[in-house]
Amino acid sequence: MSDEAQATPPQTRQERQVLLKVRGLSVHFGGLLAVAGLDLDIVEGEIWALVGPNGAGKTTVLNCISGFVRPAAGSIHFAGQDLLALGPERRAALGIGRTFQNGQLFTSMTVLENLLIGRHAHLRAGFFQGLLPFGPARREDVQARQRAREILAWLGLEAYADRIVATLPAGLQKLVGVARALAGEPRLLLLDEPAAGVPVREVATLVEHLRRWCTDLGLTLLLIEHNMHVVQAVAQRVCVLNYGRKLAEGEPATVLRDPAVLEAYLGREEEATPLLEREVSDHATS
């Protein structure tokens, strides 16, 4: 029998495991309804984009998933486990990594030191063991440094390992934030505007990185992004939020041309058609 005949056909989306299941997620800030009844089924290995106008509730959704905001209603399950009773550190240990829109890096520390902090969820030695120059803590430190340098090399950042983060340009700081999240060995990586602050000439490199993280590391990605060129280039599924409510969900080519989506972005449906083309043109001429 030929190899082609023996090959296992690829699984359909319905056959693959739902890694993150969100049901009825609602968040209130005082009298403001930030997220209203959101449902999501994110399948393992997919790249999702969460898009929408400013103030649509996108970052609030990531904050709920990563444990920094507690929802008023709804449920969040990751790999079948209920997350609502768990804090951010426990969620990170389960395999949920996170970057932030403004970096949240330790800018007075080196790039390597930031990655070592990102590996804290995998450290088992206690405080007093860590004071000893030998034993489990020492072995963990050596292994953590080795893994951190491997990640930096994989991202092309090895030359910056000993640089102070504050001395790096914004685009490189963004990549350091991702490297720190990868140091935690996540299964699900939440990215808050990864293309923001990245020079136009480096956006194509970022897109290639996003694809590689899924194929080489087996990651599932959920990213917030305003750059529609990036969304079209990498996302397999798109969820559009407007005033905290899901406006549309599906494949990018369909969703980003939905009249309701375009009207939410531009305000008037008749001006909506050039949205994607305008994004691509802007980035090509910047």
C-alpha atoms as a PDB file:
ATOM      1  CA  MET A   1       0.000   0.000   0.000  1.00  0.00           C
ATOM      2  CA  SER A   2       1.368   3.441  -0.909  1.00  0.00           C
ATOM      3  CA  ASP A   3       2.311   6.079   1.669  1.00  0.00           C
ATOM      4  CA  GLU A   4      -0.502   8.248   0.299  1.00  0.00           C
ATOM      5  CA  ALA A   5      -3.058   5.512   0.940  1.00  0.00           C
ATOM      6  CA  GLN A   6      -1.769   4.961   4.467  1.00  0.00           C
ATOM      7  CA  ALA A   7      -1.635   8.658   5.323  1.00  0.00           C
ATOM      8  CA  THR A   8      -4.141   9.785   7.920  1.00  0.00           C
ATOM      9  CA  PRO A   9      -6.432  12.477   6.523  1.00  0.00           C
ATOM     10  CA  PRO A  10      -6.181  15.823   8.339  1.00  0.00           C
ATOM     11  CA  GLN A  11      -8.745  16.377  11.047  1.00  0.00           C
ATOM     12  CA  THR A  12     -11.559  18.778  10.409  1.00  0.00           C
ATOM     13  CA  ARG A  13     -12.079  21.683  12.789  1.00  0.00           C
ATOM     14  CA  GLN A  14     -15.016  19.840  14.372  1.00  0.00           C
ATOM     15  CA  GLU A  15     -12.804  16.800  15.089  1.00  0.00           C
ATOM     16  CA  ARG A  16     -10.007  18.702  16.823  1.00  0.00           C
ATOM     17  CA  GLN A  17      -9.963  19.476  20.547  1.00  0.00           C
ATOM     18  CA  VAL A  18     -11.461  22.709  21.799  1.00  0.00           C
ATOM     19  CA  LEU A  19      -8.662  24.117  23.936  1.00  0.00           C
ATOM     20  CA  LEU A  20     -10.450  27.230  25.210  1.00  0.00           C
ATOM     21  CA  LYS A  21     -14.208  27.312  25.747  1.00  0.00           C
ATOM     22  CA  VAL A  22     -15.847  30.585  26.792  1.00  0.00           C
ATOM     23  CA  ARG A  23     -19.553  30.687  27.566  1.00  0.00           C
ATOM     24  CA  GLY A  24     -21.739  33.684  28.398  1.00  0.00           C
ATOM     25  CA  LEU A  25     -18.806  35.876  29.452  1.00  0.00           C
ATOM     26  CA  SER A  26     -19.981  39.221  30.824  1.00  0.00           C
ATOM     27  CA  VAL A  27     -17.993  41.961  32.550  1.00  0.00           C
ATOM     28  CA  HIS A  28     -19.242  45.151  34.214  1.00  0.00           C
ATOM     29  CA  PHE A  29     -17.139  48.131  35.264  1.00  0.00           C
ATOM     30  CA  GLY A  30     -19.531  50.097  37.419  1.00  0.00           C
ATOM     31  CA  GLY A  31     -22.483  50.836  35.170  1.00  0.00           C
ATOM     32  CA  LEU A  32     -20.528  50.051  31.995  1.00  0.00           C
ATOM     33  CA  LEU A  33     -21.111  46.700  30.299  1.00  0.00           C
ATOM     34  CA  ALA A  34     -17.640  45.959  28.906  1.00  0.00           C
ATOM     35  CA  VAL A  35     -18.340  42.414  27.626  1.00  0.00           C
ATOM     36  CA  ALA A  36     -21.809  40.957  27.094  1.00  0.00           C
ATOM     37  CA  GLY A  37     -22.541  37.228  26.823  1.00  0.00           C
ATOM     38  CA  LEU A  38     -19.481  36.252  24.790  1.00  0.00           C
ATOM     39  CA  ASP A  39     -19.116  32.655  23.543  1.00  0.00           C
ATOM     40  CA  LEU A  40     -15.884  31.331  22.007  1.00  0.00           C
ATOM     41  CA  ASP A  41     -14.645  27.864  21.004  1.00  0.00           C
ATOM     42  CA  ILE A  42     -10.935  28.073  20.208  1.00  0.00           C
ATOM     43  CA  VAL A  43      -9.598  24.849  18.731  1.00  0.00           C
ATOM     44  CA  GLU A  44      -6.064  23.717  19.556  1.00  0.00           C
ATOM     45  CA  GLY A  45      -3.521  24.870  16.974  1.00  0.00           C
ATOM     46  CA  GLU A  46      -5.621  27.709  15.572  1.00  0.00           C
ATOM     47  CA  ILE A  47      -4.695  31.366  15.202  1.00  0.00           C
ATOM     48  CA  TRP A  48      -7.550  33.627  16.272  1.00  0.00           C
ATOM     49  CA  ALA A  49      -7.813  37.395  15.970  1.00  0.00           C
ATOM     50  CA  LEU A  50     -10.026  39.452  18.240  1.00  0.00           C
ATOM     51  CA  VAL A  51     -10.807  42.721  16.479  1.00  0.00           C
ATOM     52  CA  GLY A  52     -13.102  45.686  16.846  1.00  0.00           C
ATOM     53  CA  PRO A  53     -13.129  49.444  17.402  1.00  0.00           C
ATOM     54  CA  ASN A  54     -11.396  50.986  20.416  1.00  0.00           C
ATOM     55  CA  GLY A  55     -13.345  50.287  23.592  1.00  0.00           C
ATOM     56  CA  ALA A  56     -15.019  47.188  22.162  1.00  0.00           C
ATOM     57  CA  GLY A  57     -13.930  44.994  25.098  1.00  0.00           C
ATOM     58  CA  LYS A  58     -11.053  43.116  23.467  1.00  0.00           C
ATOM     59  CA  THR A  59      -8.418  43.588  26.162  1.00  0.00           C
ATOM     60  CA  THR A  60     -11.023  42.887  28.844  1.00  0.00           C
ATOM     61  CA  VAL A  61     -11.593  39.463  27.253  1.00  0.00           C
ATOM     62  CA  LEU A  62      -7.861  38.690  27.407  1.00  0.00           C
ATOM     63  CA  ASN A  63      -7.759  39.909  31.005  1.00  0.00           C
ATOM     64  CA  CYS A  64     -10.591  37.526  31.909  1.00  0.00           C
ATOM     65  CA  ILE A  65      -8.904  34.567  30.221  1.00  0.00           C
ATOM     66  CA  SER A  66      -5.544  35.259  31.875  1.00  0.00           C
ATOM     67  CA  GLY A  67      -7.093  35.907  35.290  1.00  0.00           C
ATOM     68  CA  PHE A  68      -6.564  39.640  35.800  1.00  0.00           C
ATOM     69  CA  VAL A  69     -10.296  40.458  35.655  1.00  0.00           C
ATOM     70  CA  ARG A  70     -13.076  38.378  37.188  1.00  0.00           C
ATOM     71  CA  PRO A  71     -16.230  38.284  35.052  1.00  0.00           C
ATOM     72  CA  ALA A  72     -19.662  39.103  36.427  1.00  0.00           C
ATOM     73  CA  ALA A  73     -21.109  36.050  34.668  1.00  0.00           C
ATOM     74  CA  GLY A  74     -20.108  33.176  32.425  1.00  0.00           C
ATOM     75  CA  SER A  75     -17.517  30.404  32.386  1.00  0.00           C
ATOM     76  CA  ILE A  76     -14.030  29.847  30.983  1.00  0.00           C
ATOM     77  CA  HIS A  77     -12.591  26.354  30.526  1.00  0.00           C
ATOM     78  CA  PHE A  78      -9.041  25.627  29.355  1.00  0.00           C
ATOM     79  CA  ALA A  79      -8.242  22.045  28.324  1.00  0.00           C
ATOM     80  CA  GLY A  80     -11.390  21.031  30.177  1.00  0.00           C
ATOM     81  CA  GLN A  81     -10.470  22.775  33.442  1.00  0.00           C
ATOM     82  CA  ASP A  82     -12.580  25.531  34.987  1.00  0.00           C
ATOM     83  CA  LEU A  83     -10.417  28.648  35.268  1.00  0.00           C
ATOM     84  CA  LEU A  84     -12.627  30.992  37.273  1.00  0.00           C
ATOM     85  CA  ALA A  85     -11.317  29.904  40.681  1.00  0.00           C
ATOM     86  CA  LEU A  86      -7.677  30.201  39.555  1.00  0.00           C
ATOM     87  CA  GLY A  87      -5.454  33.273  39.688  1.00  0.00           C
ATOM     88  CA  PRO A  88      -3.060  34.440  36.936  1.00  0.00           C
ATOM     89  CA  GLU A  89      -0.102  32.396  38.223  1.00  0.00           C
ATOM     90  CA  ARG A  90      -2.056  29.132  38.260  1.00  0.00           C
ATOM     91  CA  ARG A  91      -3.377  29.825  34.781  1.00  0.00           C
ATOM     92  CA  ALA A  92       0.157  30.500  33.553  1.00  0.00           C
ATOM     93  CA  ALA A  93       1.289  27.200  35.067  1.00  0.00           C
ATOM     94  CA  LEU A  94      -1.516  25.423  33.186  1.00  0.00           C
ATOM     95  CA  GLY A  95      -0.212  26.813  29.896  1.00  0.00           C
ATOM     96  CA  ILE A  96      -1.733  30.252  29.267  1.00  0.00           C
ATOM     97  CA  GLY A  97       0.864  32.841  28.243  1.00  0.00           C
ATOM     98  CA  ARG A  98       0.245  36.546  27.831  1.00  0.00           C
ATOM     99  CA  THR A  99       1.791  39.686  26.382  1.00  0.00           C
ATOM    100  CA  PHE A 100       0.536  43.185  27.092  1.00  0.00           C
ATOM    101  CA  GLN A 101      -0.167  46.189  24.899  1.00  0.00           C
ATOM    102  CA  ASN A 102       2.325  48.340  26.826  1.00  0.00           C
ATOM    103  CA  GLY A 103       4.903  45.583  27.267  1.00  0.00           C
ATOM    104  CA  GLN A 104       4.896  45.172  31.080  1.00  0.00           C
ATOM    105  CA  LEU A 105       8.596  44.330  30.863  1.00  0.00           C
ATOM    106  CA  PHE A 106      11.190  44.958  33.557  1.00  0.00           C
ATOM    107  CA  THR A 107      12.935  47.655  31.557  1.00  0.00           C
ATOM    108  CA  SER A 108      15.850  48.131  33.984  1.00  0.00           C
ATOM    109  CA  MET A 109      16.769  44.440  33.664  1.00  0.00           C
ATOM    110  CA  THR A 110      18.401  42.582  30.789  1.00  0.00           C
ATOM    111  CA  VAL A 111      16.548  40.702  28.093  1.00  0.00           C
ATOM    112  CA  LEU A 112      17.778  37.376  29.494  1.00  0.00           C
ATOM    113  CA  GLU A 113      16.660  38.286  33.024  1.00  0.00           C
ATOM    114  CA  ASN A 114      13.172  39.072  31.730  1.00  0.00           C
ATOM    115  CA  LEU A 115      12.968  35.611  30.160  1.00  0.00           C
ATOM    116  CA  LEU A 116      14.113  33.968  33.388  1.00  0.00           C
ATOM    117  CA  ILE A 117      11.245  35.696  35.179  1.00  0.00           C
ATOM    118  CA  GLY A 118       8.947  34.264  32.508  1.00  0.00           C
ATOM    119  CA  ARG A 119      10.022  30.747  33.520  1.00  0.00           C
ATOM    120  CA  HIS A 120       9.102  31.146  37.190  1.00  0.00           C
ATOM    121  CA  ALA A 121       6.020  28.906  36.858  1.00  0.00           C
ATOM    122  CA  HIS A 122       8.315  25.967  36.020  1.00  0.00           C
ATOM    123  CA  LEU A 123      10.641  26.388  39.005  1.00  0.00           C
ATOM    124  CA  ARG A 124      10.188  23.870  41.830  1.00  0.00           C
ATOM    125  CA  ALA A 125      12.999  24.683  44.253  1.00  0.00           C
ATOM    126  CA  GLY A 126      12.029  26.662  47.351  1.00  0.00           C
ATOM    127  CA  PHE A 127      13.440  29.967  48.578  1.00  0.00           C
ATOM    128  CA  PHE A 128      16.075  28.502  50.923  1.00  0.00           C
ATOM    129  CA  GLN A 129      17.200  25.980  48.302  1.00  0.00           C
ATOM    130  CA  GLY A 130      17.680  28.915  45.954  1.00  0.00           C
ATOM    131  CA  LEU A 131      20.260  30.405  48.337  1.00  0.00           C
ATOM    132  CA  LEU A 132      22.545  27.392  47.882  1.00  0.00           C
ATOM    133  CA  PRO A 133      25.159  27.298  45.080  1.00  0.00           C
ATOM    134  CA  PHE A 134      24.351  23.617  44.426  1.00  0.00           C
ATOM    135  CA  GLY A 135      21.438  21.192  44.405  1.00  0.00           C
ATOM    136  CA  PRO A 136      18.027  21.379  42.667  1.00  0.00           C
ATOM    137  CA  ALA A 137      17.873  25.180  42.559  1.00  0.00           C
ATOM    138  CA  ARG A 138      21.241  25.402  40.831  1.00  0.00           C
ATOM    139  CA  ARG A 139      20.224  22.782  38.248  1.00  0.00           C
ATOM    140  CA  GLU A 140      16.948  24.602  37.605  1.00  0.00           C
ATOM    141  CA  ASP A 141      18.804  27.879  37.097  1.00  0.00           C
ATOM    142  CA  VAL A 142      21.183  26.322  34.566  1.00  0.00           C
ATOM    143  CA  GLN A 143      18.289  24.703  32.687  1.00  0.00           C
ATOM    144  CA  ALA A 144      16.259  27.929  32.739  1.00  0.00           C
ATOM    145  CA  ARG A 145      19.145  29.944  31.299  1.00  0.00           C
ATOM    146  CA  GLN A 146      19.734  27.357  28.605  1.00  0.00           C
ATOM    147  CA  ARG A 147      16.071  27.344  27.601  1.00  0.00           C
ATOM    148  CA  ALA A 148      15.905  31.150  27.643  1.00  0.00           C
ATOM    149  CA  ARG A 149      18.906  31.405  25.324  1.00  0.00           C
ATOM    150  CA  GLU A 150      17.357  28.822  22.989  1.00  0.00           C
ATOM    151  CA  ILE A 151      14.202  30.952  22.725  1.00  0.00           C
ATOM    152  CA  LEU A 152      16.241  34.100  22.081  1.00  0.00           C
ATOM    153  CA  ALA A 153      18.190  32.315  19.339  1.00  0.00           C
ATOM    154  CA  TRP A 154      14.982  30.989  17.790  1.00  0.00           C
ATOM    155  CA  LEU A 155      13.587  34.546  17.634  1.00  0.00           C
ATOM    156  CA  GLY A 156      16.850  36.055  16.414  1.00  0.00           C
ATOM    157  CA  LEU A 157      17.373  37.934  19.689  1.00  0.00           C
ATOM    158  CA  GLU A 158      20.476  36.164  20.992  1.00  0.00           C
ATOM    159  CA  ALA A 159      22.656  39.253  20.374  1.00  0.00           C
ATOM    160  CA  TYR A 160      20.465  41.226  22.789  1.00  0.00           C
ATOM    161  CA  ALA A 161      20.522  38.762  25.707  1.00  0.00           C
ATOM    162  CA  ASP A 162      22.636  41.007  27.936  1.00  0.00           C
ATOM    163  CA  ARG A 163      21.162  44.324  26.797  1.00  0.00           C
ATOM    164  CA  ILE A 164      19.043  46.394  29.177  1.00  0.00           C
ATOM    165  CA  VAL A 165      15.480  46.302  27.851  1.00  0.00           C
ATOM    166  CA  ALA A 166      15.046  50.091  28.118  1.00  0.00           C
ATOM    167  CA  THR A 167      17.821  50.590  25.539  1.00  0.00           C
ATOM    168  CA  LEU A 168      15.980  48.605  22.845  1.00  0.00           C
ATOM    169  CA  PRO A 169      13.621  50.117  20.235  1.00  0.00           C
ATOM    170  CA  ALA A 170       9.884  49.566  20.684  1.00  0.00           C
ATOM    171  CA  GLY A 171       9.661  46.832  18.055  1.00  0.00           C
ATOM    172  CA  LEU A 172      12.355  44.746  19.738  1.00  0.00           C
ATOM    173  CA  GLN A 173      10.769  45.283  23.141  1.00  0.00           C
ATOM    174  CA  LYS A 174       7.543  43.823  21.720  1.00  0.00           C
ATOM    175  CA  LEU A 175       9.469  40.741  20.618  1.00  0.00           C
ATOM    176  CA  VAL A 176      11.127  40.458  24.038  1.00  0.00           C
ATOM    177  CA  GLY A 177       7.650  40.433  25.582  1.00  0.00           C
ATOM    178  CA  VAL A 178       6.715  37.526  23.344  1.00  0.00           C
ATOM    179  CA  ALA A 179       9.975  35.742  24.163  1.00  0.00           C
ATOM    180  CA  ARG A 180       9.227  36.085  27.880  1.00  0.00           C
ATOM    181  CA  ALA A 181       5.756  34.614  27.342  1.00  0.00           C
ATOM    182  CA  LEU A 182       7.241  31.725  25.328  1.00  0.00           C
ATOM    183  CA  ALA A 183       9.685  31.051  28.171  1.00  0.00           C
ATOM    184  CA  GLY A 184       6.680  29.911  30.189  1.00  0.00           C
ATOM    185  CA  GLU A 185       6.046  27.175  27.580  1.00  0.00           C
ATOM    186  CA  PRO A 186       2.371  28.025  26.992  1.00  0.00           C
ATOM    187  CA  ARG A 187      -0.156  26.030  25.012  1.00  0.00           C
ATOM    188  CA  LEU A 188      -2.281  29.143  24.486  1.00  0.00           C
ATOM    189  CA  LEU A 189      -0.596  32.496  23.858  1.00  0.00           C
ATOM    190  CA  LEU A 190      -2.603  35.706  24.243  1.00  0.00           C
ATOM    191  CA  LEU A 191      -1.104  38.630  22.312  1.00  0.00           C
ATOM    192  CA  ASP A 192      -2.306  42.207  22.843  1.00  0.00           C
ATOM    193  CA  GLU A 193      -1.579  44.197  19.662  1.00  0.00           C
ATOM    194  CA  PRO A 194       1.702  42.498  18.669  1.00  0.00           C
ATOM    195  CA  ALA A 195       2.121  44.740  15.596  1.00  0.00           C
ATOM    196  CA  ALA A 196       1.703  48.032  17.499  1.00  0.00           C
ATOM    197  CA  GLY A 197       4.991  49.946  17.495  1.00  0.00           C
ATOM    198  CA  VAL A 198       6.605  47.518  15.055  1.00  0.00           C
ATOM    199  CA  PRO A 199       8.173  49.357  12.065  1.00  0.00           C
ATOM    200  CA  VAL A 200       6.332  48.732   8.804  1.00  0.00           C
ATOM    201  CA  ARG A 201       9.387  47.054   7.274  1.00  0.00           C
ATOM    202  CA  GLU A 202       9.362  44.483  10.112  1.00  0.00           C
ATOM    203  CA  VAL A 203       5.649  43.593   9.969  1.00  0.00           C
ATOM    204  CA  ALA A 204       6.280  40.815   7.426  1.00  0.00           C
ATOM    205  CA  THR A 205       8.846  39.294   9.813  1.00  0.00           C
ATOM    206  CA  LEU A 206       6.303  39.453  12.635  1.00  0.00           C
ATOM    207  CA  VAL A 207       3.729  37.667  10.477  1.00  0.00           C
ATOM    208  CA  GLU A 208       6.244  34.920   9.738  1.00  0.00           C
ATOM    209  CA  HIS A 209       7.022  34.576  13.451  1.00  0.00           C
ATOM    210  CA  LEU A 210       3.321  34.188  14.290  1.00  0.00           C
ATOM    211  CA  ARG A 211       2.935  31.383  11.770  1.00  0.00           C
ATOM    212  CA  ARG A 212       6.084  29.622  12.978  1.00  0.00           C
ATOM    213  CA  TRP A 213       4.976  29.693  16.613  1.00  0.00           C
ATOM    214  CA  CYS A 214       1.939  27.637  15.675  1.00  0.00           C
ATOM    215  CA  THR A 215       3.625  25.202  13.312  1.00  0.00           C
ATOM    216  CA  ASP A 216       6.945  24.722  15.158  1.00  0.00           C
ATOM    217  CA  LEU A 217       5.756  24.975  18.771  1.00  0.00           C
ATOM    218  CA  GLY A 218       2.204  23.684  18.432  1.00  0.00           C
ATOM    219  CA  LEU A 219       0.855  26.898  19.938  1.00  0.00           C
ATOM    220  CA  THR A 220      -2.680  28.200  19.837  1.00  0.00           C
ATOM    221  CA  LEU A 221      -2.793  31.988  19.413  1.00  0.00           C
ATOM    222  CA  LEU A 222      -5.443  34.536  20.341  1.00  0.00           C
ATOM    223  CA  LEU A 223      -4.362  38.013  19.342  1.00  0.00           C
ATOM    224  CA  ILE A 224      -5.853  41.480  19.485  1.00  0.00           C
ATOM    225  CA  GLU A 225      -4.835  43.422  16.404  1.00  0.00           C
ATOM    226  CA  HIS A 226      -5.866  46.643  14.668  1.00  0.00           C
ATOM    227  CA  ASN A 227      -3.633  46.009  11.649  1.00  0.00           C
ATOM    228  CA  MET A 228      -6.017  44.270   9.244  1.00  0.00           C
ATOM    229  CA  HIS A 229      -3.149  43.287   6.977  1.00  0.00           C
ATOM    230  CA  VAL A 230      -1.675  41.218   9.830  1.00  0.00           C
ATOM    231  CA  VAL A 231      -5.099  39.771  10.661  1.00  0.00           C
ATOM    232  CA  GLN A 232      -5.686  38.677   7.072  1.00  0.00           C
ATOM    233  CA  ALA A 233      -2.180  37.248   6.778  1.00  0.00           C
ATOM    234  CA  VAL A 234      -2.171  35.065   9.900  1.00  0.00           C
ATOM    235  CA  ALA A 235      -5.632  34.524  11.405  1.00  0.00           C
ATOM    236  CA  GLN A 236      -7.677  31.427  10.625  1.00  0.00           C
ATOM    237  CA  ARG A 237     -10.655  32.670  12.634  1.00  0.00           C
ATOM    238  CA  VAL A 238     -11.761  36.197  13.506  1.00  0.00           C
ATOM    239  CA  CYS A 239     -14.136  37.379  16.222  1.00  0.00           C
ATOM    240  CA  VAL A 240     -15.371  40.964  15.952  1.00  0.00           C
ATOM    241  CA  LEU A 241     -16.508  42.789  19.083  1.00  0.00           C
ATOM    242  CA  ASN A 242     -18.470  46.029  19.202  1.00  0.00           C
ATOM    243  CA  TYR A 243     -19.582  47.604  22.492  1.00  0.00           C
ATOM    244  CA  GLY A 244     -18.719  44.328  24.227  1.00  0.00           C
ATOM    245  CA  ARG A 245     -20.918  42.145  22.035  1.00  0.00           C
ATOM    246  CA  LYS A 246     -19.903  39.657  19.379  1.00  0.00           C
ATOM    247  CA  LEU A 247     -20.750  41.175  16.024  1.00  0.00           C
ATOM    248  CA  ALA A 248     -19.408  38.403  13.792  1.00  0.00           C
ATOM    249  CA  GLU A 249     -17.192  35.312  13.816  1.00  0.00           C
ATOM    250  CA  GLY A 250     -15.655  33.193  11.080  1.00  0.00           C
ATOM    251  CA  GLU A 251     -12.947  33.203   8.436  1.00  0.00           C
ATOM    252  CA  PRO A 252     -11.215  36.575   7.887  1.00  0.00           C
ATOM    253  CA  ALA A 253     -12.073  36.942   4.207  1.00  0.00           C
ATOM    254  CA  THR A 254     -15.773  36.697   5.021  1.00  0.00           C
ATOM    255  CA  VAL A 255     -15.970  38.449   8.387  1.00  0.00           C
ATOM    256  CA  LEU A 256     -13.886  41.493   7.492  1.00  0.00           C
ATOM    257  CA  ARG A 257     -16.200  42.251   4.575  1.00  0.00           C
ATOM    258  CA  ASP A 258     -19.405  41.816   6.563  1.00  0.00           C
ATOM    259  CA  PRO A 259     -21.473  45.033   6.187  1.00  0.00           C
ATOM    260  CA  ALA A 260     -22.192  45.186   9.925  1.00  0.00           C
ATOM    261  CA  VAL A 261     -18.479  44.844  10.731  1.00  0.00           C
ATOM    262  CA  LEU A 262     -17.482  47.494   8.239  1.00  0.00           C
ATOM    263  CA  GLU A 263     -20.118  49.886   9.510  1.00  0.00           C
ATOM    264  CA  ALA A 264     -18.866  49.392  13.078  1.00  0.00           C
ATOM    265  CA  TYR A 265     -15.353  50.354  11.975  1.00  0.00           C
ATOM    266  CA  LEU A 266     -16.175  53.237   9.635  1.00  0.00           C
ATOM    267  CA  GLY A 267     -19.573  54.418  10.795  1.00  0.00           C
ATOM    268  CA  ARG A 268     -21.247  54.345   7.403  1.00  0.00           C
ATOM    269  CA  GLU A 269     -21.760  51.130   5.459  1.00  0.00           C
ATOM    270  CA  GLU A 270     -21.350  52.765   2.040  1.00  0.00           C
ATOM    271  CA  GLU A 271     -17.744  53.719   2.898  1.00  0.00           C
ATOM    272  CA  ALA A 272     -16.892  50.287   4.208  1.00  0.00           C
ATOM    273  CA  THR A 273     -15.785  48.373   1.124  1.00  0.00           C
ATOM    274  CA  PRO A 274     -12.203  49.751   0.965  1.00  0.00           C
ATOM    275  CA  LEU A 275     -11.398  48.879   4.615  1.00  0.00           C
ATOM    276  CA  LEU A 276      -9.020  45.980   3.981  1.00  0.00           C
ATOM    277  CA  GLU A 277      -7.535  47.517   0.844  1.00  0.00           C
ATOM    278  CA  ARG A 278      -6.948  50.768   2.716  1.00  0.00           C
ATOM    279  CA  GLU A 279      -5.081  48.933   5.478  1.00  0.00           C
ATOM    280  CA  VAL A 280      -2.804  47.175   2.984  1.00  0.00           C
ATOM    281  CA  SER A 281      -2.205  50.407   1.036  1.00  0.00           C
ATOM    282  CA  ASP A 282      -1.367  52.372   4.183  1.00  0.00           C
ATOM    283  CA  HIS A 283       1.249  49.837   5.224  1.00  0.00           C
ATOM    284  CA  ALA A 284       2.728  49.598   1.749  1.00  0.00           C
ATOM    285  CA  THR A 285       3.251  53.367   1.502  1.00  0.00           C
ATOM    286  CA  SER A 286       4.263  54.129   5.111  1.00  0.00           C
END
